[in-house]
Amino acid sequence: MKTETGGALADQVAAKIIDIARTRALKSGEHLREEALAAELGLSRSPVRRGLALLAEQGIVIKERNRGIFLAVDAHGIDIAKLELGVDPLEDLYLRVADDCLTGELPQDFYEAELVRRFDVPRGQLLKILSRLANEGMISRKPGQGWRINPFLHDREAHIQSYRFRMAIEPAAILEPGFKIDKAAFARARKVQTEMLEGDIFKLPRSMLFKNGSEFHEMLVRCSGNRFFLEALERQNQLRRFMEYKAATDRPRLIRQCQEHLEMLDLIESGGREHAAAFMRKHLDVVSKIKAKAEEKEEQAAAARGLPEAHF
């Protein structure tokens, strides 16, 4: 069965769901059943669930507890052109393999031949994808033959530890003797964070929201002049990006994060690096606790979805 993932492919699944709704002239309040949509689209329920989650973020569908998912607007009024569509075949394959790694469709240890058969692609194309995933830290090549999925991807405790690691290095980076404000970079960061607060938080795709946040933190660490801090943070962000595939984005929560980013810029520009470092540590601590609670809820929801669904 074909598998698809978050980001661009979630947009495509969402668009297909909208096509079905428009073809049938569905009205606001119509029930959308995951199982029926998955069967019609020839997909597993996982990508359909992601597509519906994306539509829920945009207010097109609404999830009602113990009842299911319902269309929130008349299908004919949905502007499908606003969804970002289209990825090249190699990017499509990349996202499909990444999704199987994230959702547990692939065992922790696997071989190239298995994926060649699974996705029906040339071995050369597959190797490019596997090499890219290895460079990004999702998988690693085993001695001899085969590949191994990074256990971090399925380890909630490891994800929390990654935030604690950042709580150690990011405040320290701000206090580095060689820290120097990059005026142009600070101005760009301030512009991005301000635009987020002015509405981009609720307009941008999840991939861009993550990019804006991670680039802000990398910019500050880059100002430290310590290449080892920067390399460590870039590695952490590569791994965190994959975790974002598995979680819905709490957009309202990002308002406070952007406000705190701007406060950090103000503190540093006014010469208060010690205050900024303490503020950064608190900022990351709060985010880590919020993420931990969200991931715990997601695990509980995933476990519940494994049970018979009497209410759908």
Protein backbone atom coordinates (compact mmCIF):
# COMPACT_ATOMS: atom_id res chain seq x y z
CA MET A 1 0.00 0.00 0.00
CA LYS A 2 1.23 3.44 -0.84
CA THR A 3 2.28 5.58 2.10
CA GLU A 4 2.57 9.35 2.24
CA THR A 5 3.82 11.73 4.91
CA GLY A 6 3.39 15.18 6.41
CA GLY A 7 4.35 18.45 4.80
CA ALA A 8 3.81 18.49 1.02
CA LEU A 9 2.25 15.02 0.88
CA ALA A 10 -0.16 15.81 3.69
CA ASP A 11 -1.26 18.75 1.54
CA GLN A 12 -1.82 16.38 -1.38
CA VAL A 13 -3.92 14.00 0.71
CA ALA A 14 -5.89 16.96 2.06
CA ALA A 15 -6.52 18.14 -1.51
CA LYS A 16 -7.73 14.67 -2.50
CA ILE A 17 -10.14 14.66 0.43
CA ILE A 18 -11.46 18.05 -0.70
CA ASP A 19 -11.87 16.70 -4.25
CA ILE A 20 -14.04 13.89 -2.90
CA ALA A 21 -16.11 16.33 -0.86
CA ARG A 22 -16.61 18.69 -3.81
CA THR A 23 -17.48 15.87 -6.23
CA ARG A 24 -20.21 14.73 -3.83
CA ALA A 25 -21.28 18.31 -3.07
CA LEU A 26 -20.96 17.67 0.64
CA LYS A 27 -22.38 20.29 2.97
CA SER A 28 -21.13 21.65 6.27
CA GLY A 29 -21.70 19.07 9.00
CA GLU A 30 -21.21 16.02 6.77
CA HIS A 31 -19.35 13.17 8.49
CA LEU A 32 -15.90 12.27 7.05
CA ARG A 33 -14.84 8.74 7.99
CA GLU A 34 -11.12 7.92 7.99
CA GLU A 35 -11.64 4.30 7.03
CA ALA A 36 -13.88 5.10 4.05
CA LEU A 37 -11.53 7.83 2.80
CA ALA A 38 -8.51 5.53 3.14
CA ALA A 39 -10.25 2.83 1.12
CA GLU A 40 -11.29 5.26 -1.61
CA LEU A 41 -7.82 6.82 -1.88
CA GLY A 42 -5.96 3.51 -1.67
CA LEU A 43 -3.98 4.67 1.37
CA SER A 44 -3.47 3.56 4.93
CA ARG A 45 -5.39 5.48 7.59
CA SER A 46 -2.21 7.20 8.84
CA PRO A 47 -1.75 9.60 5.87
CA VAL A 48 -5.51 10.19 5.72
CA ARG A 49 -5.42 11.13 9.39
CA ARG A 50 -2.61 13.59 8.66
CA GLY A 51 -4.54 15.09 5.78
CA LEU A 52 -7.59 15.54 7.97
CA ALA A 53 -5.44 17.08 10.70
CA LEU A 54 -4.13 19.60 8.18
CA LEU A 55 -7.68 20.46 7.12
CA ALA A 56 -8.61 20.86 10.79
CA GLU A 57 -5.75 23.35 11.23
CA GLN A 58 -7.20 25.40 8.40
CA GLY A 59 -10.74 25.25 9.77
CA ILE A 60 -12.08 23.15 6.91
CA VAL A 61 -13.02 20.20 9.11
CA ILE A 62 -13.70 19.88 12.82
CA LYS A 63 -13.12 16.93 15.14
CA GLU A 64 -15.79 16.26 17.73
CA ARG A 65 -14.91 14.10 20.71
CA ASN A 66 -16.39 10.60 20.54
CA ARG A 67 -18.20 11.44 17.31
CA GLY A 68 -15.61 11.83 14.58
CA ILE A 69 -14.59 14.38 11.97
CA PHE A 70 -17.06 16.64 10.18
CA LEU A 71 -16.89 19.12 7.34
CA ALA A 72 -16.93 22.63 8.81
CA VAL A 73 -17.83 24.43 5.57
CA ASP A 74 -19.68 23.64 2.36
CA ALA A 75 -17.29 21.80 0.04
CA HIS A 76 -18.01 24.04 -2.97
CA GLY A 77 -16.71 27.06 -1.02
CA ILE A 78 -13.27 25.59 -0.34
CA ASP A 79 -10.47 27.25 -2.34
CA ILE A 80 -8.27 24.26 -3.13
CA ALA A 81 -5.72 26.52 -4.85
CA LYS A 82 -4.61 27.75 -1.42
CA LEU A 83 -3.15 24.34 -0.61
CA GLU A 84 0.50 23.83 -1.58
CA LEU A 85 0.66 20.91 -3.99
CA GLY A 86 3.25 19.13 -6.01
CA VAL A 87 6.57 17.50 -5.20
CA ASP A 88 9.04 15.96 -7.59
CA PRO A 89 9.21 12.12 -7.69
CA LEU A 90 12.45 11.98 -5.71
CA GLU A 91 11.02 14.23 -2.99
CA ASP A 92 7.88 12.11 -2.99
CA LEU A 93 9.98 8.99 -2.40
CA TYR A 94 11.98 10.75 0.31
CA LEU A 95 8.81 11.65 2.21
CA ARG A 96 7.31 8.18 1.80
CA VAL A 97 10.41 6.49 3.19
CA ALA A 98 10.60 9.05 6.01
CA ASP A 99 6.96 8.39 6.87
CA ASP A 100 7.52 4.64 7.07
CA CYS A 101 10.48 5.22 9.38
CA LEU A 102 8.44 7.51 11.62
CA THR A 103 5.25 5.47 11.80
CA GLY A 104 6.90 2.12 12.46
CA GLU A 105 5.95 0.64 9.09
CA LEU A 106 9.63 -0.29 8.69
CA PRO A 107 11.46 -2.38 11.29
CA GLN A 108 14.32 -0.68 13.11
CA ASP A 109 16.78 -2.69 11.00
CA PHE A 110 16.01 -3.03 7.29
CA TYR A 111 17.64 -3.73 3.92
CA GLU A 112 17.63 -1.85 0.62
CA ALA A 113 16.07 -4.76 -1.24
CA GLU A 114 12.99 -4.56 0.99
CA LEU A 115 12.44 -0.92 0.07
CA VAL A 116 13.10 -1.47 -3.64
CA ARG A 117 10.24 -3.98 -3.64
CA ARG A 118 8.05 -1.90 -1.33
CA PHE A 119 8.22 1.30 -3.38
CA ASP A 120 8.97 -0.22 -6.79
CA VAL A 121 11.83 2.18 -7.52
CA PRO A 122 15.33 1.81 -9.02
CA ARG A 123 18.01 1.00 -6.47
CA GLY A 124 20.03 4.08 -7.49
CA GLN A 125 17.17 6.44 -6.61
CA LEU A 126 16.60 4.67 -3.33
CA LEU A 127 20.27 4.95 -2.37
CA LYS A 128 20.13 8.73 -2.90
CA ILE A 129 17.19 8.89 -0.50
CA LEU A 130 18.82 6.66 2.10
CA SER A 131 22.03 8.68 1.93
CA ARG A 132 20.05 11.89 2.45
CA LEU A 133 18.22 10.42 5.45
CA ALA A 134 21.54 9.23 6.88
CA ASN A 135 23.07 12.70 6.50
CA GLU A 136 20.05 14.15 8.30
CA GLY A 137 20.35 11.68 11.15
CA MET A 138 17.16 9.69 10.62
CA ILE A 139 18.96 6.44 9.77
CA SER A 140 22.49 5.05 9.78
CA ARG A 141 24.24 2.39 7.74
CA LYS A 142 24.95 -0.82 9.63
CA PRO A 143 28.36 -2.50 9.44
CA GLY A 144 28.23 -4.81 6.45
CA GLN A 145 24.73 -4.56 5.00
CA GLY A 146 21.50 -2.89 5.95
CA TRP A 147 20.32 0.27 7.67
CA ARG A 148 19.08 1.17 11.14
CA ILE A 149 16.45 3.75 12.10
CA ASN A 150 17.60 6.22 14.75
CA PRO A 151 15.94 5.16 18.05
CA PHE A 152 15.55 8.86 18.90
CA LEU A 153 12.58 9.07 16.56
CA HIS A 154 10.45 6.81 18.76
CA ASP A 155 11.89 7.74 22.15
CA ARG A 156 9.95 10.45 23.96
CA GLU A 157 12.53 10.58 26.75
CA ALA A 158 15.32 11.15 24.22
CA HIS A 159 13.37 14.03 22.73
CA ILE A 160 13.05 15.61 26.18
CA GLN A 161 16.78 15.07 26.73
CA SER A 162 17.50 16.91 23.49
CA TYR A 163 15.77 19.98 24.92
CA ARG A 164 17.82 19.68 28.10
CA PHE A 165 20.93 19.52 25.93
CA ARG A 166 19.84 22.73 24.23
CA MET A 167 19.21 24.27 27.66
CA ALA A 168 22.89 23.65 28.35
CA ILE A 169 24.44 24.93 25.12
CA GLU A 170 22.20 27.79 23.96
CA PRO A 171 22.47 29.96 27.10
CA ALA A 172 26.20 29.17 27.18
CA ALA A 173 26.52 30.32 23.57
CA ILE A 174 25.02 33.70 24.47
CA LEU A 175 27.64 34.08 27.21
CA GLU A 176 30.61 33.12 25.01
CA PRO A 177 33.46 35.70 25.15
CA GLY A 178 33.45 35.87 21.35
CA PHE A 179 29.71 36.57 21.07
CA LYS A 180 29.13 39.37 18.57
CA ILE A 181 25.82 40.77 17.40
CA ASP A 182 25.23 40.35 13.67
CA LYS A 183 23.11 43.45 13.05
CA ALA A 184 21.80 42.26 9.69
CA ALA A 185 20.89 38.82 11.06
CA PHE A 186 19.19 40.37 14.09
CA ALA A 187 17.16 42.66 11.82
CA ARG A 188 16.07 39.72 9.64
CA ALA A 189 15.12 37.68 12.71
CA ARG A 190 13.14 40.56 14.16
CA LYS A 191 11.28 40.98 10.85
CA VAL A 192 10.41 37.27 10.65
CA GLN A 193 9.22 37.06 14.26
CA THR A 194 7.16 40.25 13.88
CA GLU A 195 5.52 38.95 10.70
CA MET A 196 4.71 35.73 12.53
CA LEU A 197 2.89 37.72 15.21
CA GLU A 198 1.10 39.79 12.57
CA GLY A 199 -0.54 36.69 11.10
CA ASP A 200 2.02 34.34 9.60
CA ILE A 201 1.61 31.95 12.54
CA PHE A 202 -1.82 31.04 11.18
CA LYS A 203 -0.90 31.21 7.47
CA LEU A 204 2.45 29.48 7.00
CA PRO A 205 2.78 25.71 6.51
CA ARG A 206 4.19 23.76 9.44
CA SER A 207 7.53 23.28 7.71
CA MET A 208 8.03 27.07 7.54
CA LEU A 209 6.98 27.56 11.15
CA PHE A 210 9.64 25.08 12.23
CA LYS A 211 12.20 26.66 9.89
CA ASN A 212 11.58 30.13 11.31
CA GLY A 213 11.96 28.93 14.87
CA SER A 214 15.05 26.79 14.34
CA GLU A 215 16.79 29.49 12.28
CA PHE A 216 16.23 32.02 15.07
CA HIS A 217 18.01 29.82 17.60
CA GLU A 218 20.78 28.89 15.17
CA MET A 219 21.33 32.59 14.42
CA LEU A 220 21.93 33.38 18.08
CA VAL A 221 24.31 30.45 18.51
CA ARG A 222 26.15 31.45 15.32
CA CYS A 223 26.80 34.87 16.90
CA SER A 224 28.76 33.10 19.66
CA GLY A 225 31.54 32.29 17.21
CA ASN A 226 31.73 28.78 18.67
CA ARG A 227 31.46 26.35 15.76
CA PHE A 228 31.00 23.35 18.06
CA PHE A 229 27.90 24.83 19.67
CA LEU A 230 26.49 25.60 16.22
CA GLU A 231 27.19 22.14 14.79
CA ALA A 232 25.56 20.52 17.83
CA LEU A 233 22.43 22.66 17.53
CA GLU A 234 22.12 22.10 13.78
CA ARG A 235 22.25 18.36 14.41
CA GLN A 236 19.54 18.63 17.06
CA ASN A 237 17.34 20.63 14.72
CA GLN A 238 17.70 18.03 11.99
CA LEU A 239 16.37 15.39 14.35
CA ARG A 240 13.64 17.64 15.75
CA ARG A 241 12.40 18.38 12.25
CA PHE A 242 11.48 14.72 11.85
CA MET A 243 9.63 14.74 15.15
CA GLU A 244 7.45 17.54 13.79
CA TYR A 245 6.07 15.10 11.20
CA LYS A 246 4.45 13.20 14.05
CA ALA A 247 2.83 16.09 15.88
CA ALA A 248 0.15 18.63 15.15
CA THR A 249 1.22 22.26 15.40
CA ASP A 250 -0.20 24.23 18.32
CA ARG A 251 -0.25 27.56 16.50
CA PRO A 252 -1.66 29.72 19.33
CA ARG A 253 1.22 28.57 21.56
CA LEU A 254 3.68 30.01 19.03
CA ILE A 255 2.45 33.53 19.78
CA ARG A 256 4.17 33.51 23.16
CA GLN A 257 7.29 31.90 21.71
CA CYS A 258 7.63 34.65 19.09
CA GLN A 259 7.12 37.32 21.74
CA GLU A 260 9.90 35.74 23.81
CA HIS A 261 12.19 35.62 20.77
CA LEU A 262 11.76 39.36 20.35
CA GLU A 263 12.40 39.90 24.06
CA MET A 264 15.66 37.97 23.72
CA LEU A 265 16.79 40.20 20.87
CA ASP A 266 15.98 43.27 22.98
CA LEU A 267 17.94 41.95 25.96
CA ILE A 268 21.02 41.13 23.90
CA GLU A 269 20.97 44.41 21.97
CA SER A 270 20.73 46.35 25.24
CA GLY A 271 23.82 44.59 26.59
CA GLY A 272 22.00 42.24 28.95
CA ARG A 273 23.51 38.97 27.77
CA GLU A 274 23.40 37.39 31.24
CA HIS A 275 19.68 38.14 31.50
CA ALA A 276 19.20 36.88 27.94
CA ALA A 277 20.99 33.61 28.74
CA ALA A 278 18.78 33.03 31.79
CA PHE A 279 15.72 33.94 29.73
CA MET A 280 16.76 31.47 27.01
CA ARG A 281 17.08 28.65 29.53
CA LYS A 282 13.62 29.37 30.93
CA HIS A 283 12.22 29.66 27.40
CA LEU A 284 13.54 26.21 26.43
CA ASP A 285 12.47 24.67 29.74
CA VAL A 286 8.88 25.80 29.26
CA VAL A 287 8.79 24.60 25.64
CA SER A 288 10.24 21.20 26.62
CA LYS A 289 7.50 20.68 29.22
CA ILE A 290 4.78 21.68 26.77
CA LYS A 291 6.23 19.32 24.15
CA ALA A 292 6.47 16.49 26.68
CA LYS A 293 2.79 16.82 27.58
CA ALA A 294 1.79 17.02 23.92
CA GLU A 295 3.79 13.92 23.01
CA GLU A 296 2.33 12.00 25.95
CA LYS A 297 -1.17 12.87 24.76
CA GLU A 298 -0.24 11.83 21.21
CA GLU A 299 1.04 8.46 22.46
CA GLN A 300 -2.17 7.93 24.40
CA ALA A 301 -4.23 8.86 21.34
CA ALA A 302 -2.19 6.51 19.15
CA ALA A 303 -2.74 3.68 21.64
CA ALA A 304 -6.45 4.43 21.69
CA ARG A 305 -6.57 4.35 17.88
CA GLY A 306 -5.23 0.82 18.03
CA LEU A 307 -8.43 -0.25 19.79
CA PRO A 308 -11.72 -1.02 17.98
CA GLU A 309 -13.34 2.30 17.08
CA ALA A 310 -16.96 1.93 18.06
CA HIS A 311 -17.82 5.59 17.53
CA PHE A 312 -16.73 6.00 13.90
